[in-house]
Amino acid sequence: MEQHFKVYEAFGDQYAMDNRGYTVVAGSARADSVSVMLPFRSRGATVAAILRAVVAGRPLRLGHPNLSPEVISVLDALKSAGWGTQATERLIALAPPAVCTPEGSVARAVPGDKIEAGTLACALAATKVNGRIEGVRGRDTGSINAQRASETSLRYPRRGVTHRPTSATTYSHKNIPKHQLPRSDAL
């Protein structure tokens, strides 16, 4: 978590830790570029930095990034939403789009597991687009189904984000030929 905290500090955020976990309070809104150099290729800190830049609408220069499939998928989603993205083993550079409301919806196939699906869901939410994530295994959607059952909603009024799950569909794959399987929606 130290790398995540380093990312938050670079954005001017404050964090506090206690026996229940940690909280982060976003710093004041600014438009200048943020530069962070990670000491090692942390996947979580890389994604945290990217999504924090998107939420803040600020340019980012992230040194020593992790370029795992889920990070590349997030960068692809951002690029399709109008963000300027460049990624090398040494640096990820992001630039916000001129307009943050792309037309239509974005579709992404999950290249791996539930962590990658969650990362893509965060990227879709952060870029304020409608999206569909395909290829999520039914057993990995338990928390989405539980959230739907409890009618839980998440609100971040300062950021203009509200999440109210309306549906989550899971399918049993037993005895169904692969070519006849319906697509699973994670969002």
C-alpha atoms as a PDB file:
ATOM      1  CA  MET A   1       0.000   0.000   0.000  1.00  0.00           C
ATOM      2  CA  GLU A   2       2.962   2.333   0.398  1.00  0.00           C
ATOM      3  CA  GLN A   3       3.076   2.798  -3.374  1.00  0.00           C
ATOM      4  CA  HIS A   4      -0.638   3.623  -3.477  1.00  0.00           C
ATOM      5  CA  PHE A   5      -0.108   6.250  -0.777  1.00  0.00           C
ATOM      6  CA  LYS A   6       2.787   7.716  -2.766  1.00  0.00           C
ATOM      7  CA  VAL A   7       0.411   8.060  -5.735  1.00  0.00           C
ATOM      8  CA  TYR A   8      -2.261   9.756  -3.611  1.00  0.00           C
ATOM      9  CA  GLU A   9       0.298  12.185  -2.174  1.00  0.00           C
ATOM     10  CA  ALA A  10       1.440  13.125  -5.691  1.00  0.00           C
ATOM     11  CA  PHE A  11      -2.141  14.218  -6.403  1.00  0.00           C
ATOM     12  CA  GLY A  12      -2.242  16.273  -3.199  1.00  0.00           C
ATOM     13  CA  ASP A  13      -4.529  13.788  -1.455  1.00  0.00           C
ATOM     14  CA  GLN A  14      -4.374  13.000   2.249  1.00  0.00           C
ATOM     15  CA  TYR A  15      -4.751   9.535   3.727  1.00  0.00           C
ATOM     16  CA  ALA A  16      -5.216   8.113   7.203  1.00  0.00           C
ATOM     17  CA  MET A  17      -4.814   4.554   8.444  1.00  0.00           C
ATOM     18  CA  ASP A  18      -6.407   2.853  11.415  1.00  0.00           C
ATOM     19  CA  ASN A  19      -7.262  -0.702  12.489  1.00  0.00           C
ATOM     20  CA  ARG A  20     -10.204  -0.811  10.024  1.00  0.00           C
ATOM     21  CA  GLY A  21      -8.148   0.128   6.960  1.00  0.00           C
ATOM     22  CA  TYR A  22      -7.453   3.477   5.390  1.00  0.00           C
ATOM     23  CA  THR A  23      -9.291   6.489   4.020  1.00  0.00           C
ATOM     24  CA  VAL A  24      -8.224   8.909   1.325  1.00  0.00           C
ATOM     25  CA  VAL A  25      -9.421  12.504   1.084  1.00  0.00           C
ATOM     26  CA  ALA A  26      -8.973  14.036  -2.361  1.00  0.00           C
ATOM     27  CA  GLY A  27      -6.890  17.181  -2.564  1.00  0.00           C
ATOM     28  CA  SER A  28      -8.135  20.395  -4.103  1.00  0.00           C
ATOM     29  CA  ALA A  29      -8.929  20.407  -7.820  1.00  0.00           C
ATOM     30  CA  ARG A  30      -5.963  21.351  -9.999  1.00  0.00           C
ATOM     31  CA  ALA A  31      -5.164  21.058 -13.692  1.00  0.00           C
ATOM     32  CA  ASP A  32      -1.368  20.692 -13.661  1.00  0.00           C
ATOM     33  CA  SER A  33       0.431  17.502 -14.645  1.00  0.00           C
ATOM     34  CA  VAL A  34       1.273  14.872 -12.025  1.00  0.00           C
ATOM     35  CA  SER A  35       4.573  12.982 -12.105  1.00  0.00           C
ATOM     36  CA  VAL A  36       5.172   9.837 -10.059  1.00  0.00           C
ATOM     37  CA  MET A  37       8.137   7.447 -10.170  1.00  0.00           C
ATOM     38  CA  LEU A  38       7.334   3.999  -8.795  1.00  0.00           C
ATOM     39  CA  PRO A  39      10.285   2.145  -7.217  1.00  0.00           C
ATOM     40  CA  PHE A  40       9.010  -1.146  -8.639  1.00  0.00           C
ATOM     41  CA  ARG A  41       6.393  -2.241 -11.167  1.00  0.00           C
ATOM     42  CA  SER A  42       3.335  -2.403  -8.919  1.00  0.00           C
ATOM     43  CA  ARG A  43       0.176  -3.341 -10.830  1.00  0.00           C
ATOM     44  CA  GLY A  44      -2.107  -1.895  -8.146  1.00  0.00           C
ATOM     45  CA  ALA A  45      -0.207   1.388  -7.840  1.00  0.00           C
ATOM     46  CA  THR A  46      -0.079   1.722 -11.638  1.00  0.00           C
ATOM     47  CA  VAL A  47      -3.853   1.311 -11.928  1.00  0.00           C
ATOM     48  CA  ALA A  48      -4.429   3.584  -8.903  1.00  0.00           C
ATOM     49  CA  ALA A  49      -2.339   6.325 -10.546  1.00  0.00           C
ATOM     50  CA  ILE A  50      -4.118   5.986 -13.893  1.00  0.00           C
ATOM     51  CA  LEU A  51      -7.605   6.039 -12.393  1.00  0.00           C
ATOM     52  CA  ARG A  52      -6.714   8.880 -10.019  1.00  0.00           C
ATOM     53  CA  ALA A  53      -5.546  10.924 -13.024  1.00  0.00           C
ATOM     54  CA  VAL A  54      -8.807  10.180 -14.824  1.00  0.00           C
ATOM     55  CA  VAL A  55     -10.969  11.143 -11.844  1.00  0.00           C
ATOM     56  CA  ALA A  56      -8.976  14.374 -11.446  1.00  0.00           C
ATOM     57  CA  GLY A  57      -8.930  15.034 -15.203  1.00  0.00           C
ATOM     58  CA  ARG A  58      -5.182  15.688 -14.982  1.00  0.00           C
ATOM     59  CA  PRO A  59      -2.244  14.714 -17.188  1.00  0.00           C
ATOM     60  CA  LEU A  60      -0.028  11.971 -15.721  1.00  0.00           C
ATOM     61  CA  ARG A  61       3.577  10.885 -16.191  1.00  0.00           C
ATOM     62  CA  LEU A  62       4.113   7.578 -14.378  1.00  0.00           C
ATOM     63  CA  GLY A  63       7.629   6.192 -14.259  1.00  0.00           C
ATOM     64  CA  HIS A  64       8.465   2.487 -13.924  1.00  0.00           C
ATOM     65  CA  PRO A  65       4.870   1.325 -14.565  1.00  0.00           C
ATOM     66  CA  ASN A  66       3.472  -2.178 -14.654  1.00  0.00           C
ATOM     67  CA  LEU A  67       2.326  -3.104 -18.168  1.00  0.00           C
ATOM     68  CA  SER A  68       0.233  -6.163 -17.317  1.00  0.00           C
ATOM     69  CA  PRO A  69      -2.746  -7.091 -19.534  1.00  0.00           C
ATOM     70  CA  GLU A  70      -5.197  -5.330 -17.208  1.00  0.00           C
ATOM     71  CA  VAL A  71      -3.171  -2.097 -17.301  1.00  0.00           C
ATOM     72  CA  ILE A  72      -3.003  -2.236 -21.096  1.00  0.00           C
ATOM     73  CA  SER A  73      -6.780  -2.871 -21.171  1.00  0.00           C
ATOM     74  CA  VAL A  74      -7.400   0.201 -19.022  1.00  0.00           C
ATOM     75  CA  LEU A  75      -5.175   2.278 -21.309  1.00  0.00           C
ATOM     76  CA  ASP A  76      -7.063   0.948 -24.359  1.00  0.00           C
ATOM     77  CA  ALA A  77     -10.390   1.889 -22.747  1.00  0.00           C
ATOM     78  CA  LEU A  78      -9.097   5.373 -21.956  1.00  0.00           C
ATOM     79  CA  LYS A  79      -7.785   5.808 -25.493  1.00  0.00           C
ATOM     80  CA  SER A  80     -11.186   4.876 -26.921  1.00  0.00           C
ATOM     81  CA  ALA A  81     -12.710   7.467 -24.549  1.00  0.00           C
ATOM     82  CA  GLY A  82     -10.495  10.183 -26.023  1.00  0.00           C
ATOM     83  CA  TRP A  83      -7.540  10.191 -23.618  1.00  0.00           C
ATOM     84  CA  GLY A  84      -4.036  10.540 -25.008  1.00  0.00           C
ATOM     85  CA  THR A  85      -2.064   7.470 -23.927  1.00  0.00           C
ATOM     86  CA  GLN A  86       1.546   6.443 -24.386  1.00  0.00           C
ATOM     87  CA  ALA A  87       3.056   3.424 -22.674  1.00  0.00           C
ATOM     88  CA  THR A  88       6.592   2.086 -22.607  1.00  0.00           C
ATOM     89  CA  GLU A  89       8.440   0.036 -20.016  1.00  0.00           C
ATOM     90  CA  ARG A  90       9.870   3.287 -18.647  1.00  0.00           C
ATOM     91  CA  LEU A  91       6.838   5.582 -18.708  1.00  0.00           C
ATOM     92  CA  ILE A  92       3.081   5.862 -19.020  1.00  0.00           C
ATOM     93  CA  ALA A  93       1.906   9.290 -20.162  1.00  0.00           C
ATOM     94  CA  LEU A  94      -1.770  10.289 -20.077  1.00  0.00           C
ATOM     95  CA  ALA A  95      -3.448  13.440 -21.338  1.00  0.00           C
ATOM     96  CA  PRO A  96      -7.139  14.188 -20.739  1.00  0.00           C
ATOM     97  CA  PRO A  97      -9.410  14.498 -23.749  1.00  0.00           C
ATOM     98  CA  ALA A  98     -10.704  17.861 -24.868  1.00  0.00           C
ATOM     99  CA  VAL A  99     -14.229  16.561 -24.223  1.00  0.00           C
ATOM    100  CA  CYS A 100     -14.875  13.852 -21.621  1.00  0.00           C
ATOM    101  CA  THR A 101     -18.165  12.509 -22.973  1.00  0.00           C
ATOM    102  CA  PRO A 102     -17.633  10.018 -25.786  1.00  0.00           C
ATOM    103  CA  GLU A 103     -20.609   8.964 -27.880  1.00  0.00           C
ATOM    104  CA  GLY A 104     -21.962   5.431 -27.705  1.00  0.00           C
ATOM    105  CA  SER A 105     -20.718   2.652 -25.524  1.00  0.00           C
ATOM    106  CA  VAL A 106     -17.439   0.850 -25.097  1.00  0.00           C
ATOM    107  CA  ALA A 107     -17.073  -2.938 -25.280  1.00  0.00           C
ATOM    108  CA  ARG A 108     -14.078  -4.752 -23.847  1.00  0.00           C
ATOM    109  CA  ALA A 109     -13.293  -8.441 -23.578  1.00  0.00           C
ATOM    110  CA  VAL A 110     -11.750  -9.469 -20.279  1.00  0.00           C
ATOM    111  CA  PRO A 111      -8.304 -10.905 -21.013  1.00  0.00           C
ATOM    112  CA  GLY A 112      -8.172 -12.877 -17.780  1.00  0.00           C
ATOM    113  CA  ASP A 113      -9.730 -12.855 -14.361  1.00  0.00           C
ATOM    114  CA  LYS A 114     -12.098 -10.969 -12.073  1.00  0.00           C
ATOM    115  CA  ILE A 115      -9.370  -8.491 -11.071  1.00  0.00           C
ATOM    116  CA  GLU A 116      -9.015  -7.464 -14.702  1.00  0.00           C
ATOM    117  CA  ALA A 117     -12.805  -7.196 -15.047  1.00  0.00           C
ATOM    118  CA  GLY A 118     -12.953  -4.980 -11.955  1.00  0.00           C
ATOM    119  CA  THR A 119     -10.140  -2.832 -13.273  1.00  0.00           C
ATOM    120  CA  LEU A 120     -11.976  -2.374 -16.568  1.00  0.00           C
ATOM    121  CA  ALA A 121     -15.204  -1.570 -14.709  1.00  0.00           C
ATOM    122  CA  CYS A 122     -13.355   1.169 -12.812  1.00  0.00           C
ATOM    123  CA  ALA A 123     -11.971   2.561 -16.067  1.00  0.00           C
ATOM    124  CA  LEU A 124     -15.442   2.632 -17.616  1.00  0.00           C
ATOM    125  CA  ALA A 125     -16.890   4.356 -14.562  1.00  0.00           C
ATOM    126  CA  ALA A 126     -14.048   6.855 -14.357  1.00  0.00           C
ATOM    127  CA  THR A 127     -14.392   7.818 -18.003  1.00  0.00           C
ATOM    128  CA  LYS A 128     -18.178   8.177 -17.655  1.00  0.00           C
ATOM    129  CA  VAL A 129     -19.049   5.858 -20.532  1.00  0.00           C
ATOM    130  CA  ASN A 130     -21.606   3.099 -20.867  1.00  0.00           C
ATOM    131  CA  GLY A 131     -19.865  -0.202 -21.190  1.00  0.00           C
ATOM    132  CA  ARG A 132     -20.094  -3.925 -21.466  1.00  0.00           C
ATOM    133  CA  ILE A 133     -17.458  -6.292 -20.149  1.00  0.00           C
ATOM    134  CA  GLU A 134     -17.641  -9.747 -21.680  1.00  0.00           C
ATOM    135  CA  GLY A 135     -16.070 -12.976 -20.522  1.00  0.00           C
ATOM    136  CA  VAL A 136     -16.600 -12.653 -16.774  1.00  0.00           C
ATOM    137  CA  ARG A 137     -17.127 -15.979 -15.015  1.00  0.00           C
ATOM    138  CA  GLY A 138     -20.414 -16.271 -13.140  1.00  0.00           C
ATOM    139  CA  ARG A 139     -18.765 -17.350  -9.887  1.00  0.00           C
ATOM    140  CA  ASP A 140     -16.816 -14.071  -9.870  1.00  0.00           C
ATOM    141  CA  THR A 141     -19.909 -11.863  -9.855  1.00  0.00           C
ATOM    142  CA  GLY A 142     -21.114 -12.726  -6.354  1.00  0.00           C
ATOM    143  CA  SER A 143     -20.398  -9.274  -4.954  1.00  0.00           C
ATOM    144  CA  ILE A 144     -22.280  -7.621  -7.828  1.00  0.00           C
ATOM    145  CA  ASN A 145     -25.265  -9.894  -7.232  1.00  0.00           C
ATOM    146  CA  ALA A 146     -25.115  -9.215  -3.477  1.00  0.00           C
ATOM    147  CA  GLN A 147     -24.978  -5.482  -4.120  1.00  0.00           C
ATOM    148  CA  ARG A 148     -27.991  -5.760  -6.413  1.00  0.00           C
ATOM    149  CA  ALA A 149     -29.910  -7.844  -3.849  1.00  0.00           C
ATOM    150  CA  SER A 150     -29.251  -5.336  -1.075  1.00  0.00           C
ATOM    151  CA  GLU A 151     -30.117  -2.433  -3.407  1.00  0.00           C
ATOM    152  CA  THR A 152     -26.861  -0.776  -2.413  1.00  0.00           C
ATOM    153  CA  SER A 153     -25.865   2.313  -4.321  1.00  0.00           C
ATOM    154  CA  LEU A 154     -22.629   4.256  -4.279  1.00  0.00           C
ATOM    155  CA  ARG A 155     -22.552   8.041  -4.544  1.00  0.00           C
ATOM    156  CA  TYR A 156     -19.656  10.415  -5.027  1.00  0.00           C
ATOM    157  CA  PRO A 157     -21.498  13.723  -5.591  1.00  0.00           C
ATOM    158  CA  ARG A 158     -18.349  15.859  -5.903  1.00  0.00           C
ATOM    159  CA  ARG A 159     -17.211  13.697  -8.815  1.00  0.00           C
ATOM    160  CA  GLY A 160     -20.659  13.318 -10.390  1.00  0.00           C
ATOM    161  CA  VAL A 161     -20.604   9.531 -10.005  1.00  0.00           C
ATOM    162  CA  THR A 162     -23.576   7.435  -8.942  1.00  0.00           C
ATOM    163  CA  HIS A 163     -23.664   3.671  -9.252  1.00  0.00           C
ATOM    164  CA  ARG A 164     -26.991   1.898  -8.910  1.00  0.00           C
ATOM    165  CA  PRO A 165     -26.757  -1.693 -10.075  1.00  0.00           C
ATOM    166  CA  THR A 166     -29.789  -2.561 -12.161  1.00  0.00           C
ATOM    167  CA  SER A 167     -28.920  -6.084 -13.153  1.00  0.00           C
ATOM    168  CA  ALA A 168     -26.284  -8.748 -13.100  1.00  0.00           C
ATOM    169  CA  THR A 169     -26.856 -11.900 -15.088  1.00  0.00           C
ATOM    170  CA  THR A 170     -24.916 -15.088 -14.561  1.00  0.00           C
ATOM    171  CA  TYR A 171     -25.264 -18.286 -16.497  1.00  0.00           C
ATOM    172  CA  SER A 172     -24.451 -21.884 -15.700  1.00  0.00           C
ATOM    173  CA  HIS A 173     -22.168 -23.287 -18.371  1.00  0.00           C
ATOM    174  CA  LYS A 174     -23.075 -26.927 -17.686  1.00  0.00           C
ATOM    175  CA  ASN A 175     -24.259 -28.852 -20.736  1.00  0.00           C
ATOM    176  CA  ILE A 176     -24.348 -25.780 -22.996  1.00  0.00           C
ATOM    177  CA  PRO A 177     -22.160 -25.902 -26.106  1.00  0.00           C
ATOM    178  CA  LYS A 178     -19.595 -23.112 -26.024  1.00  0.00           C
ATOM    179  CA  HIS A 179     -20.900 -21.480 -29.220  1.00  0.00           C
ATOM    180  CA  GLN A 180     -24.386 -21.179 -27.655  1.00  0.00           C
ATOM    181  CA  LEU A 181     -23.322 -19.493 -24.419  1.00  0.00           C
ATOM    182  CA  PRO A 182     -24.906 -16.069 -23.873  1.00  0.00           C
ATOM    183  CA  ARG A 183     -22.666 -13.111 -23.200  1.00  0.00           C
ATOM    184  CA  SER A 184     -22.256 -12.209 -19.527  1.00  0.00           C
ATOM    185  CA  ASP A 185     -22.616  -8.585 -18.529  1.00  0.00           C
ATOM    186  CA  ALA A 186     -20.524  -7.453 -15.587  1.00  0.00           C
ATOM    187  CA  LEU A 187     -22.012  -3.957 -15.583  1.00  0.00           C
END
